[in-house]
Protein backbone atom coordinates (compact mmCIF):
# COMPACT_ATOMS: atom_id res chain seq x y z
CA MET A 1 194.48 104.27 68.34
CA SER A 2 192.61 100.95 68.92
CA LEU A 3 190.21 99.86 66.38
CA LYS A 4 187.16 99.63 68.68
CA LYS A 5 187.39 103.64 68.86
CA PRO A 6 187.01 104.41 64.83
CA ARG A 7 184.26 101.94 64.66
CA GLN A 8 181.95 103.37 67.52
CA MET A 9 182.39 106.91 65.65
CA ALA A 10 181.51 105.53 62.39
CA ALA A 11 178.29 103.68 63.90
CA ARG A 12 177.56 107.11 65.81
CA ARG A 13 177.90 109.01 62.24
CA PHE A 14 175.53 106.28 60.80
CA SER A 15 173.04 106.58 63.38
CA ALA A 16 173.05 110.07 62.62
CA ALA A 17 173.07 109.78 59.23
CA VAL A 18 169.89 107.69 59.50
CA ALA A 19 168.21 109.65 61.62
CA VAL A 20 168.56 113.25 59.77
CA ALA A 21 167.37 110.80 56.51
CA PHE A 22 164.22 109.81 58.25
CA ALA A 23 163.45 113.32 59.33
CA ALA A 24 163.88 114.44 56.04
CA LEU A 25 161.62 111.48 54.47
CA LEU A 26 158.78 113.43 56.72
CA LEU A 27 159.52 116.99 56.44
CA ALA A 28 159.80 116.69 52.33
CA PRO A 29 156.27 117.46 50.38
CA THR A 30 155.22 114.29 48.77
CA ALA A 31 152.37 112.35 47.31
CA ALA A 32 148.81 112.53 48.52
CA ALA A 33 149.61 109.34 50.67
CA THR A 34 151.72 111.07 52.85
CA PRO A 35 151.17 110.65 56.59
CA TRP A 36 149.84 113.97 58.04
CA TRP A 37 149.24 115.08 61.34
CA VAL A 38 147.01 118.12 62.61
CA ALA A 39 146.40 119.24 65.97
CA TRP A 40 145.19 121.75 68.40
CA GLU A 41 146.97 121.73 71.94
CA GLY A 42 145.16 124.99 73.50
CA ASN A 43 147.31 127.73 73.01
CA ASP A 44 144.49 129.54 70.91
CA PHE A 45 140.77 129.01 70.68
CA PRO A 46 140.40 126.53 67.74
CA GLU A 47 138.31 128.86 65.09
CA ASN A 48 142.11 131.05 64.92
CA GLU A 49 144.00 127.64 64.42
CA GLY A 50 141.84 126.39 61.36
CA TRP A 51 139.02 124.76 62.81
CA GLU A 52 135.27 126.00 62.01
CA ARG A 53 133.38 126.83 64.71
CA THR A 54 129.48 126.20 64.92
CA ILE A 55 126.77 127.63 67.01
CA TYR A 56 123.46 126.40 67.53
CA GLY A 57 121.24 128.04 70.00
CA GLU A 58 123.22 129.82 72.39
CA PRO A 59 127.24 129.54 72.48
CA ALA A 60 129.23 128.40 75.47
CA GLN A 61 130.90 130.72 78.03
CA ARG A 62 134.97 129.82 76.86
CA THR A 63 137.81 130.14 78.84
CA LEU A 64 141.51 129.76 77.50
CA GLU A 65 143.53 129.35 80.17
CA GLY A 66 147.38 127.38 80.76
CA GLY A 67 146.83 125.65 77.73
CA ILE A 68 143.24 124.25 78.73
CA MET A 69 139.59 125.82 76.99
CA THR A 70 136.81 125.58 79.33
CA LEU A 71 133.09 125.27 77.63
CA ASP A 72 130.31 125.94 79.78
CA SER A 73 126.95 125.75 78.41
CA LEU A 74 125.12 125.65 82.16
CA GLY A 75 123.33 128.80 81.94
CA THR A 76 122.28 128.47 78.43
CA THR A 77 119.14 126.61 77.40
CA GLY A 78 121.57 124.19 75.82
CA GLY A 79 122.16 124.10 71.57
CA TRP A 80 126.02 122.98 69.83
CA ASP A 81 128.99 124.87 70.60
CA ALA A 82 131.27 122.69 68.68
CA TYR A 83 134.57 122.85 66.15
CA GLN A 84 135.25 120.75 63.01
CA LEU A 85 138.01 120.13 60.71
CA SER A 86 137.41 118.84 56.98
CA LEU A 87 139.82 116.04 56.88
CA GLY A 88 139.55 115.64 52.80
CA ASP A 89 139.97 111.64 51.58
CA ASN A 90 143.15 110.92 52.52
CA LEU A 91 142.06 109.02 55.36
CA GLU A 92 143.16 105.50 53.93
CA PRO A 93 146.47 104.27 56.04
CA ASP A 94 148.38 102.42 53.57
CA PRO A 95 150.30 99.44 55.14
CA GLY A 96 152.69 100.29 57.56
CA GLU A 97 150.42 103.47 58.65
CA ARG A 98 147.98 104.18 60.96
CA PHE A 99 145.10 106.38 61.71
CA ILE A 100 145.28 108.41 64.77
CA LEU A 101 142.64 110.18 66.41
CA ARG A 102 143.41 111.59 70.08
CA TRP A 103 142.08 113.76 72.43
CA ARG A 104 142.16 114.86 76.07
CA MET A 105 139.33 116.17 78.28
CA ARG A 106 137.78 116.70 81.74
CA VAL A 107 134.01 116.32 82.22
CA ASP A 108 132.85 118.57 85.19
CA ALA A 109 129.00 118.67 84.90
CA VAL A 110 125.72 117.58 82.67
CA GLU A 111 122.65 118.77 82.99
CA GLY A 112 119.12 118.28 81.00
CA GLY A 113 120.11 115.23 79.44
CA PRO A 114 122.29 112.10 79.82
CA ARG A 115 125.52 113.50 78.23
CA ASP A 116 126.63 116.81 76.31
CA PRO A 117 130.58 116.90 74.89
CA ILE A 118 131.02 114.68 71.73
CA VAL A 119 134.05 114.05 69.63
CA SER A 120 132.45 112.61 66.31
CA PHE A 121 134.33 111.35 63.07
CA VAL A 122 133.14 110.68 59.40
CA THR A 123 134.98 109.37 56.46
CA HIS A 124 134.89 110.55 53.05
CA ASP A 125 132.33 107.29 52.53
CA TRP A 126 130.48 108.01 55.19
CA TRP A 127 131.85 105.54 58.16
CA MET A 128 131.21 107.24 61.22
CA ALA A 129 132.35 106.79 65.03
CA THR A 130 130.61 109.20 67.73
CA PHE A 131 131.26 109.75 71.36
CA PHE A 132 129.25 111.38 73.86
CA PHE A 133 130.50 112.44 76.77
CA ALA A 134 128.48 112.08 80.62
CA VAL A 135 130.59 113.01 83.59
CA ASN A 136 131.76 109.33 84.28
CA LYS A 137 131.31 107.58 80.86
CA VAL A 138 130.85 107.75 77.28
CA TRP A 139 128.93 106.33 74.73
CA LEU A 140 129.59 105.06 71.68
CA MET A 141 126.49 106.12 69.65
CA GLU A 142 126.63 104.18 66.43
CA GLU A 143 127.68 100.98 68.78
CA ASN A 144 125.15 101.60 71.65
CA VAL A 145 128.15 100.89 73.73
CA LEU A 146 129.04 102.60 77.52
CA ILE A 147 132.32 102.70 78.70
CA ASN A 148 132.73 104.34 82.45
CA PHE A 149 135.76 105.82 83.42
CA THR A 150 136.33 107.73 86.73
CA PRO A 151 134.91 111.10 87.14
CA GLY A 152 136.60 114.29 87.72
CA GLU A 153 139.85 113.99 86.21
CA PHE A 154 140.99 114.65 82.75
CA HIS A 155 141.41 111.68 80.46
CA ALA A 156 143.47 110.86 77.42
CA TRP A 157 141.41 109.08 74.94
CA GLU A 158 142.95 107.36 71.52
CA LEU A 159 141.49 105.47 68.25
CA ARG A 160 143.98 104.24 66.10
CA SER A 161 142.63 102.85 62.84
CA TRP A 162 144.39 100.22 59.80
CA ASP A 163 141.53 100.38 57.76
CA MET A 164 139.14 102.78 58.35
CA ARG A 165 136.27 100.11 59.30
CA GLN A 166 137.40 98.87 63.08
CA TYR A 167 139.52 100.52 65.52
CA ASP A 168 140.85 100.10 69.04
CA LEU A 169 140.23 102.67 71.50
CA ARG A 170 142.51 103.38 74.63
CA LEU A 171 141.53 105.27 77.50
CA ASP A 172 144.45 106.64 79.71
CA GLY A 173 146.87 103.93 77.63
CA GLN A 174 145.09 101.32 78.33
CA LEU A 175 142.49 99.36 75.46
CA VAL A 176 139.13 99.19 76.33
CA ARG A 177 137.13 99.11 73.08
CA GLN A 178 138.23 96.93 69.99
CA GLY A 179 134.89 98.34 67.61
CA HIS A 180 134.05 99.32 64.40
CA PHE A 181 133.08 102.23 62.48
CA VAL A 182 129.56 102.10 61.25
CA ARG A 183 128.38 103.17 57.49
CA ILE A 184 126.01 105.79 57.46
CA PRO A 185 123.68 107.19 54.36
CA ALA A 186 124.65 110.05 52.88
CA GLY A 187 126.79 111.75 50.44
CA PRO A 188 130.59 112.20 50.59
CA VAL A 189 131.92 114.37 53.59
CA SER A 190 135.00 114.09 56.26
CA TYR A 191 135.37 115.64 59.05
CA LEU A 192 136.53 115.80 62.88
CA GLY A 193 133.94 117.76 65.24
CA TRP A 194 134.28 118.19 69.10
CA GLY A 195 132.56 120.32 71.51
CA ASP A 196 129.83 121.28 73.75
CA GLY A 197 127.20 119.06 70.98
CA GLY A 198 124.36 117.73 73.05
CA GLY A 199 121.16 119.42 72.18
CA HIS A 200 118.94 120.68 74.85
CA SER A 201 121.88 119.25 76.83
CA ARG A 202 124.24 121.60 78.82
CA SER A 203 127.66 120.87 80.35
CA ARG A 204 130.90 121.89 81.48
CA SER A 205 134.14 120.47 80.03
CA ALA A 206 137.14 120.88 79.84
CA TRP A 207 139.69 120.31 76.58
CA ASP A 208 143.34 120.01 76.80
CA TYR A 209 144.37 119.08 73.21
CA VAL A 210 142.55 117.38 69.86
CA ARG A 211 145.32 115.89 67.66
CA VAL A 212 144.15 113.78 64.40
CA GLY A 213 146.72 112.28 61.12
CA VAL A 214 147.94 109.66 59.29
CA VAL A 215 151.12 108.15 60.96
CA PRO A 216 154.09 105.50 60.23
CA GLU A 217 152.73 102.61 62.60
CA VAL A 218 156.26 102.47 64.88
CA GLU A 219 156.67 101.72 68.53
CA THR A 220 155.34 104.31 71.25
CA SER A 221 158.56 105.60 71.98
CA GLY A 222 159.54 106.29 68.21
CA LEU A 223 155.92 107.57 67.66
CA VAL A 224 156.61 110.49 70.31
CA VAL A 225 159.67 111.46 67.77
CA VAL A 226 157.61 111.13 64.56
CA LEU A 227 154.67 112.93 65.47
CA GLY A 228 157.34 116.02 66.91
CA LEU A 229 159.19 115.99 63.36
CA MET A 230 156.00 116.50 62.05
CA ALA A 231 154.40 118.69 63.63
CA ALA A 232 156.76 121.24 61.83
CA ARG A 233 154.47 120.36 58.96
CA VAL A 234 151.34 120.84 60.39
CA ARG A 235 148.80 120.43 57.43
CA ARG A 236 145.99 122.43 56.50
CA LEU A 237 143.20 120.32 55.33
């Protein structure tokens, strides 16, 4: 037998051992700064998966089909029908980590006002970012910035932050904004909220997923593997 084959076999065993060790590191219960990941994937209504449903006024009509939840408040007088998750204070990424918030949605209609569907995030020390959607643009409320997008289509959004003060915002994989959270005067709280939240405005929107967590900063292909492993240990916050 040549020396080449044993070396190849040893390399494979070493790579497999590294993969197993890395997976074990992610999956093992550790200290409070351990990376975490929570994902709603459209498999059930959010309140059945740990989210708090908040309704003011008339609730939206809801359907859940094929992993997509549709919120339709066009037939109401307006109000708030949204979902909130408390995040605690484990949001500060350590060196080599990133806070990531992802959502994929389509806005079909907005009536009674300029915008309605919302995604809003607040840290435990009240640094905030809020995204209000129209059919073809999103308003970054605290920064008073508008970003256009193609109407009538699903779009994937991703917010990444390394210090919970600044962030990169990507639309369908393309960087569209390097922004910052805005400090607001209020008491300590930390949450992620999303849904139909435009007050007197009414809308119909379709939601594919909402995902949030603190994860190791790795290349995109590696991040898919990391999040797949972390899905097995979804953290209830």
